[in-house]
Amino acid sequence: MKRIFCAALLVSCGMGCAVEIGCSSAGSDGATSGSDAGDSTADGGDGAPSSGDISVPATDGTWPAAQDVTFTGKGAKDLGAIAITHGAGTIQFKGAPAQAFFFDATPVPTGTDDAGDFSGSRDFQIIAAQDSRFIMAWITCTGTQLGYIYYESTNGDTSSTTAVPGGELPASGTCTVAETPTSVAVSLPAVTLPSAPPLVSGFTITGQDLSFDGTNPGKANVNGESWTMYPFNTVDCRDCATPGWYELHSLFYDPNNQNACLGILYLTEGSPAQTELAYFLCLPALSAPLTNDQEFFDSAWTSP
């Protein structure tokens, strides 16, 4: 059975989460090389950072998590030991520790393809960093059992493979979750990417405040601030629900202030003139500046 953490909460559809059967993910497969992507500009985006120019200062502060979580266990492939206590800790990634913290959680809702097989499961999104990459990982817990992980990084790493197109890998361990809002102490290292993130191919977005030509870094205007946008991983969730959708997991960078944000763009079937942005977390500010945690752009999109 193929299953992927389609990390969207189906926000625009009014549903509670998106961990669904039938989704597939693609990272560096089918993406342009990071160095080629970083040396170009998009839609008049003069000054887009080139390889090695994306640097973000260390992050130190607190994050207002909605739950108090502790995860202890082991992942698979590039993601090894998981040691997160009260929302903060480390994961082992590519054999080295990465500072990490709990960002957000989503339940598997009824009425979706996944609710029968994974009823009662929840996905917990983890943000982590090493000095050369940002990492996003999703931990699946069913009760107190840590059962699966999915991961991706701004360097093009992903748990998706030809053999496991959904990217979800079996994991082991325990989950302790209390429905108690918690201030998580966050400490992430300074990050300098060795090259611009590899860009996904085959998608375009055209609009005044959000644009991506599928070849060069895109541009975004979010809350009056301009960003260079690097969609570096895709999730195909067309079979997750009705309507289905694509996700473009993206890095947003402001070279003037050395601020970076991680976010997910949703391209929903039946709404080709609108693009949604959600799960937008900015570092080192540790802020989520979107109103109601989402923003809709009058930006038309095309897919492969």
Protein backbone atom coordinates (compact mmCIF):
# COMPACT_ATOMS: atom_id res chain seq x y z
CA MET A 1 0.00 0.00 0.00
CA LYS A 2 1.30 3.43 -0.96
CA ARG A 3 0.88 6.25 1.52
CA ILE A 4 2.37 9.74 1.83
CA PHE A 5 2.10 12.56 4.29
CA CYS A 6 0.27 14.98 2.00
CA ALA A 7 1.11 17.59 4.56
CA ALA A 8 -1.71 19.96 3.71
CA LEU A 9 -4.62 20.10 6.05
CA LEU A 10 -6.97 20.38 3.09
CA VAL A 11 -7.39 23.88 4.46
CA SER A 12 -9.28 25.17 1.46
CA CYS A 13 -11.59 22.15 1.57
CA GLY A 14 -12.48 22.61 5.22
CA MET A 15 -11.03 19.32 6.33
CA GLY A 16 -8.77 18.49 9.20
CA CYS A 17 -5.59 17.08 7.59
CA ALA A 18 -4.06 15.34 4.66
CA VAL A 19 -2.26 12.09 5.22
CA GLU A 20 -3.60 10.05 2.40
CA ILE A 21 -3.32 6.85 0.38
CA GLY A 22 -2.43 7.26 -3.26
CA CYS A 23 -0.28 10.36 -2.99
CA SER A 24 3.21 10.35 -4.38
CA SER A 25 6.20 12.55 -3.78
CA ALA A 26 9.08 13.66 -5.94
CA GLY A 27 12.12 15.53 -4.73
CA SER A 28 15.32 15.71 -6.72
CA ASP A 29 13.92 13.22 -9.25
CA GLY A 30 12.74 15.34 -12.13
CA ALA A 31 14.10 18.53 -10.57
CA THR A 32 16.63 20.85 -12.05
CA SER A 33 20.04 20.90 -10.46
CA GLY A 34 20.51 23.22 -7.53
CA SER A 35 23.39 25.11 -9.10
CA ASP A 36 21.54 25.64 -12.38
CA ALA A 37 18.45 26.81 -10.53
CA GLY A 38 20.33 29.20 -8.31
CA ASP A 39 22.17 30.93 -11.15
CA SER A 40 18.97 32.09 -12.82
CA THR A 41 16.14 34.49 -12.05
CA ALA A 42 12.40 34.18 -12.51
CA ASP A 43 9.80 36.54 -13.89
CA GLY A 44 12.00 39.56 -13.61
CA GLY A 45 13.52 38.31 -10.37
CA ASP A 46 16.85 40.02 -10.78
CA GLY A 47 19.13 39.37 -7.86
CA ALA A 48 17.91 35.88 -6.99
CA PRO A 49 20.56 34.33 -4.75
CA SER A 50 23.02 32.09 -6.55
CA SER A 51 24.61 28.92 -5.23
CA GLY A 52 26.10 29.41 -1.79
CA ASP A 53 24.34 32.77 -1.24
CA ILE A 54 21.49 31.48 0.92
CA SER A 55 22.52 32.02 4.52
CA VAL A 56 20.25 32.21 7.57
CA PRO A 57 21.42 33.18 11.08
CA ALA A 58 20.99 30.88 14.05
CA THR A 59 17.48 30.60 15.49
CA ASP A 60 17.00 30.93 19.25
CA GLY A 61 13.61 31.52 20.79
CA THR A 62 10.32 29.87 21.69
CA TRP A 63 7.60 28.36 19.53
CA PRO A 64 3.96 28.24 20.78
CA ALA A 65 3.15 24.59 20.07
CA ALA A 66 -0.45 23.45 20.36
CA GLN A 67 0.57 20.14 21.98
CA ASP A 68 3.26 18.96 24.38
CA VAL A 69 4.99 16.10 22.54
CA THR A 70 7.81 13.65 23.20
CA PHE A 71 9.07 11.26 20.52
CA THR A 72 11.69 8.57 21.04
CA GLY A 73 12.59 6.10 18.34
CA LYS A 74 14.36 5.37 15.09
CA GLY A 75 13.51 6.22 11.52
CA ALA A 76 14.85 4.75 8.30
CA LYS A 77 17.17 5.50 5.41
CA ASP A 78 18.70 8.99 6.01
CA LEU A 79 16.72 9.64 9.19
CA GLY A 80 18.05 7.74 12.19
CA ALA A 81 17.52 8.27 15.91
CA ILE A 82 14.64 10.50 16.99
CA ALA A 83 14.97 12.16 20.40
CA ILE A 84 12.49 14.98 20.96
CA THR A 85 11.38 15.84 24.48
CA HIS A 86 8.63 18.38 25.20
CA GLY A 87 8.80 19.57 21.61
CA ALA A 88 12.55 20.01 21.15
CA GLY A 89 15.59 17.84 20.64
CA THR A 90 17.46 16.18 17.79
CA ILE A 91 17.08 13.81 14.89
CA GLN A 92 19.96 11.99 13.23
CA PHE A 93 20.09 12.92 9.56
CA LYS A 94 22.64 11.46 7.18
CA GLY A 95 24.64 10.24 10.17
CA ALA A 96 24.87 13.58 11.97
CA PRO A 97 22.66 15.22 14.60
CA ALA A 98 20.22 17.92 13.54
CA GLN A 99 18.60 20.26 16.03
CA ALA A 100 14.84 19.89 15.73
CA PHE A 101 11.49 21.06 17.10
CA PHE A 102 7.81 20.21 16.77
CA PHE A 103 5.94 22.64 14.51
CA ASP A 104 2.40 21.35 13.93
CA ALA A 105 0.14 18.27 14.03
CA THR A 106 -2.68 16.96 11.86
CA PRO A 107 -5.16 14.13 12.51
CA VAL A 108 -6.36 11.74 9.82
CA PRO A 109 -9.98 12.79 9.23
CA THR A 110 -12.96 10.65 8.42
CA GLY A 111 -14.17 10.92 4.86
CA THR A 112 -10.71 10.60 3.27
CA ASP A 113 -9.03 7.63 1.63
CA ASP A 114 -6.69 7.14 4.56
CA ALA A 115 -9.09 7.27 7.50
CA GLY A 116 -10.00 3.60 7.37
CA ASP A 117 -6.50 2.12 7.39
CA PHE A 118 -4.97 4.75 9.65
CA SER A 119 -7.94 5.78 11.76
CA GLY A 120 -6.68 7.44 14.93
CA SER A 121 -3.25 8.24 13.49
CA ARG A 122 -1.75 11.71 13.63
CA ASP A 123 1.12 13.33 11.76
CA PHE A 124 3.54 15.59 13.60
CA GLN A 125 5.64 17.96 11.52
CA ILE A 126 9.21 18.43 12.65
CA ILE A 127 11.49 21.28 11.52
CA ALA A 128 15.21 20.60 11.81
CA ALA A 129 18.47 22.15 10.67
CA GLN A 130 22.10 21.31 10.09
CA ASP A 131 24.67 23.86 9.01
CA SER A 132 24.06 23.07 5.32
CA ARG A 133 20.33 22.27 5.11
CA PHE A 134 16.84 22.65 6.49
CA ILE A 135 14.93 19.41 7.04
CA MET A 136 11.20 18.81 7.24
CA ALA A 137 10.02 15.49 8.64
CA TRP A 138 6.63 14.05 9.48
CA ILE A 139 6.24 11.48 12.24
CA THR A 140 3.12 9.30 12.24
CA CYS A 141 1.83 8.20 15.63
CA THR A 142 -1.05 5.83 16.30
CA GLY A 143 -1.75 6.15 19.98
CA THR A 144 1.61 5.79 21.69
CA GLN A 145 3.23 3.95 18.77
CA LEU A 146 5.61 5.77 16.43
CA GLY A 147 5.01 3.90 13.19
CA TYR A 148 6.17 5.85 10.12
CA ILE A 149 8.34 8.77 9.01
CA TYR A 150 8.61 10.90 5.90
CA TYR A 151 11.33 13.49 5.28
CA GLU A 152 12.74 15.96 2.79
CA SER A 153 15.46 18.61 2.84
CA THR A 154 16.35 21.81 1.01
CA ASN A 155 19.33 19.97 -0.51
CA GLY A 156 17.02 17.65 -2.44
CA ASP A 157 17.10 14.71 -0.01
CA THR A 158 13.81 12.82 0.24
CA SER A 159 12.51 9.54 1.58
CA SER A 160 10.70 9.02 -1.72
CA THR A 161 12.25 6.49 -4.09
CA THR A 162 11.15 4.56 -7.12
CA ALA A 163 10.42 1.63 -4.81
CA VAL A 164 8.61 3.83 -2.27
CA PRO A 165 7.03 6.62 -4.36
CA GLY A 166 4.99 7.91 -1.45
CA GLY A 167 8.09 8.34 0.67
CA GLU A 168 6.61 6.95 3.87
CA LEU A 169 9.02 4.60 5.63
CA PRO A 170 8.40 2.27 8.59
CA ALA A 171 9.80 3.54 11.86
CA SER A 172 9.76 2.42 15.47
CA GLY A 173 9.44 4.09 18.83
CA THR A 174 7.00 5.79 21.15
CA CYS A 175 4.90 8.95 21.10
CA THR A 176 3.70 10.84 24.14
CA VAL A 177 1.22 13.61 23.33
CA ALA A 178 -0.60 15.89 25.73
CA GLU A 179 -3.22 18.34 24.46
CA THR A 180 -1.52 21.14 26.34
CA PRO A 181 -0.25 24.33 24.66
CA THR A 182 3.48 24.51 25.26
CA SER A 183 6.25 27.06 24.73
CA VAL A 184 8.98 25.06 23.01
CA ALA A 185 12.55 26.26 23.47
CA VAL A 186 14.02 26.28 19.96
CA SER A 187 17.71 26.43 19.07
CA LEU A 188 18.76 25.87 15.46
CA PRO A 189 22.22 26.47 14.00
CA ALA A 190 23.05 29.04 11.35
CA VAL A 191 22.45 27.54 7.92
CA THR A 192 24.31 28.19 4.68
CA LEU A 193 23.11 26.13 1.75
CA PRO A 194 26.00 24.84 -0.41
CA SER A 195 23.81 25.46 -3.47
CA ALA A 196 20.37 26.79 -4.20
CA PRO A 197 17.62 24.20 -3.61
CA PRO A 198 16.89 21.97 -6.63
CA LEU A 199 13.76 23.20 -8.36
CA VAL A 200 10.82 20.98 -9.19
CA SER A 201 9.95 20.81 -12.86
CA GLY A 202 6.72 20.77 -14.84
CA PHE A 203 4.77 23.34 -12.79
CA THR A 204 4.13 27.02 -13.46
CA ILE A 205 2.42 29.70 -11.37
CA THR A 206 1.46 33.05 -12.90
CA GLY A 207 0.23 35.99 -10.85
CA GLN A 208 1.15 39.44 -9.62
CA ASP A 209 2.14 38.37 -6.09
CA LEU A 210 3.15 34.75 -6.74
CA SER A 211 4.99 33.44 -9.80
CA PHE A 212 7.16 30.51 -10.85
CA ASP A 213 8.10 29.64 -14.43
CA GLY A 214 9.12 26.05 -13.69
CA THR A 215 12.78 26.66 -14.51
CA ASN A 216 14.06 29.56 -12.43
CA PRO A 217 13.46 30.62 -8.80
CA GLY A 218 10.04 32.16 -8.35
CA LYS A 219 8.91 35.35 -6.67
CA ALA A 220 6.41 35.86 -3.87
CA ASN A 221 4.97 38.88 -2.10
CA VAL A 222 3.70 37.79 1.31
CA ASN A 223 2.36 40.34 3.78
CA GLY A 224 4.10 43.11 1.87
CA GLU A 225 7.51 41.42 1.94
CA SER A 226 9.23 40.18 -1.21
CA TRP A 227 10.76 36.71 -1.32
CA THR A 228 12.70 34.58 -3.76
CA MET A 229 10.91 31.24 -3.90
CA TYR A 230 12.44 27.79 -4.41
CA PRO A 231 9.87 24.96 -4.80
CA PHE A 232 12.10 21.97 -4.03
CA ASN A 233 9.75 19.02 -3.55
CA THR A 234 6.34 17.94 -4.83
CA VAL A 235 3.55 15.81 -3.42
CA ASP A 236 0.90 14.46 -5.79
CA CYS A 237 -2.29 14.17 -3.77
CA ARG A 238 -4.79 14.02 -6.61
CA ASP A 239 -6.10 10.71 -5.25
CA CYS A 240 -6.25 11.82 -1.63
CA ALA A 241 -9.72 13.32 -1.69
CA THR A 242 -12.17 15.15 -3.95
CA PRO A 243 -10.99 17.56 -5.15
CA GLY A 244 -7.39 16.40 -5.16
CA TRP A 245 -4.35 18.64 -5.18
CA TYR A 246 -0.63 19.03 -5.72
CA GLU A 247 1.77 20.41 -3.11
CA LEU A 248 4.94 22.35 -3.84
CA HIS A 249 7.09 22.34 -0.70
CA SER A 250 9.14 25.51 -0.92
CA LEU A 251 11.87 27.62 0.62
CA PHE A 252 11.29 31.39 0.61
CA TYR A 253 14.34 33.62 1.04
CA ASP A 254 14.86 37.34 1.60
CA PRO A 255 18.55 38.04 0.86
CA ASN A 256 18.34 41.60 2.21
CA ASN A 257 17.47 40.42 5.74
CA GLN A 258 18.75 36.82 5.54
CA ASN A 259 15.32 35.57 6.50
CA ALA A 260 14.01 32.22 5.28
CA CYS A 261 10.57 30.66 5.43
CA LEU A 262 9.43 27.11 4.78
CA GLY A 263 5.95 26.78 3.29
CA ILE A 264 3.67 24.62 1.20
CA LEU A 265 1.86 25.77 -1.93
CA TYR A 266 -1.41 23.98 -2.73
CA LEU A 267 -2.62 23.64 -6.30
CA THR A 268 -6.18 22.31 -6.00
CA GLU A 269 -7.92 20.59 -8.88
CA GLY A 270 -10.88 22.58 -10.11
CA SER A 271 -9.28 25.88 -8.99
CA PRO A 272 -6.66 26.55 -11.68
CA ALA A 273 -6.71 30.31 -11.12
CA GLN A 274 -5.88 30.18 -7.40
CA THR A 275 -2.86 29.06 -5.38
CA GLU A 276 -2.89 28.59 -1.61
CA LEU A 277 0.06 29.04 0.75
CA ALA A 278 0.03 27.40 4.20
CA TYR A 279 2.37 26.06 6.89
CA PHE A 280 4.50 29.16 6.41
CA LEU A 281 7.16 29.27 9.12
CA CYS A 282 9.90 31.91 9.10
CA LEU A 283 13.39 31.68 10.58
CA PRO A 284 15.19 32.98 12.55
CA ALA A 285 12.12 34.98 13.64
CA LEU A 286 10.16 31.83 14.58
CA SER A 287 7.03 33.45 13.21
CA ALA A 288 4.05 32.20 11.20
CA PRO A 289 2.82 35.47 9.69
CA LEU A 290 -0.14 34.28 7.61
CA THR A 291 -3.63 35.35 8.69
CA ASN A 292 -5.53 32.22 9.76
CA ASP A 293 -2.38 30.26 8.83
CA GLN A 294 -3.14 30.48 5.11
CA GLU A 295 -3.19 32.90 2.19
CA PHE A 296 -4.83 32.63 -1.22
CA PHE A 297 -3.26 34.17 -4.32
CA ASP A 298 -4.92 35.03 -7.61
CA SER A 299 -2.19 33.06 -9.35
CA ALA A 300 -3.02 30.61 -12.13
CA TRP A 301 -1.11 27.34 -12.14
CA THR A 302 -0.32 24.54 -14.55
CA SER A 303 0.96 21.03 -13.82
CA PRO A 304 2.84 18.37 -15.80
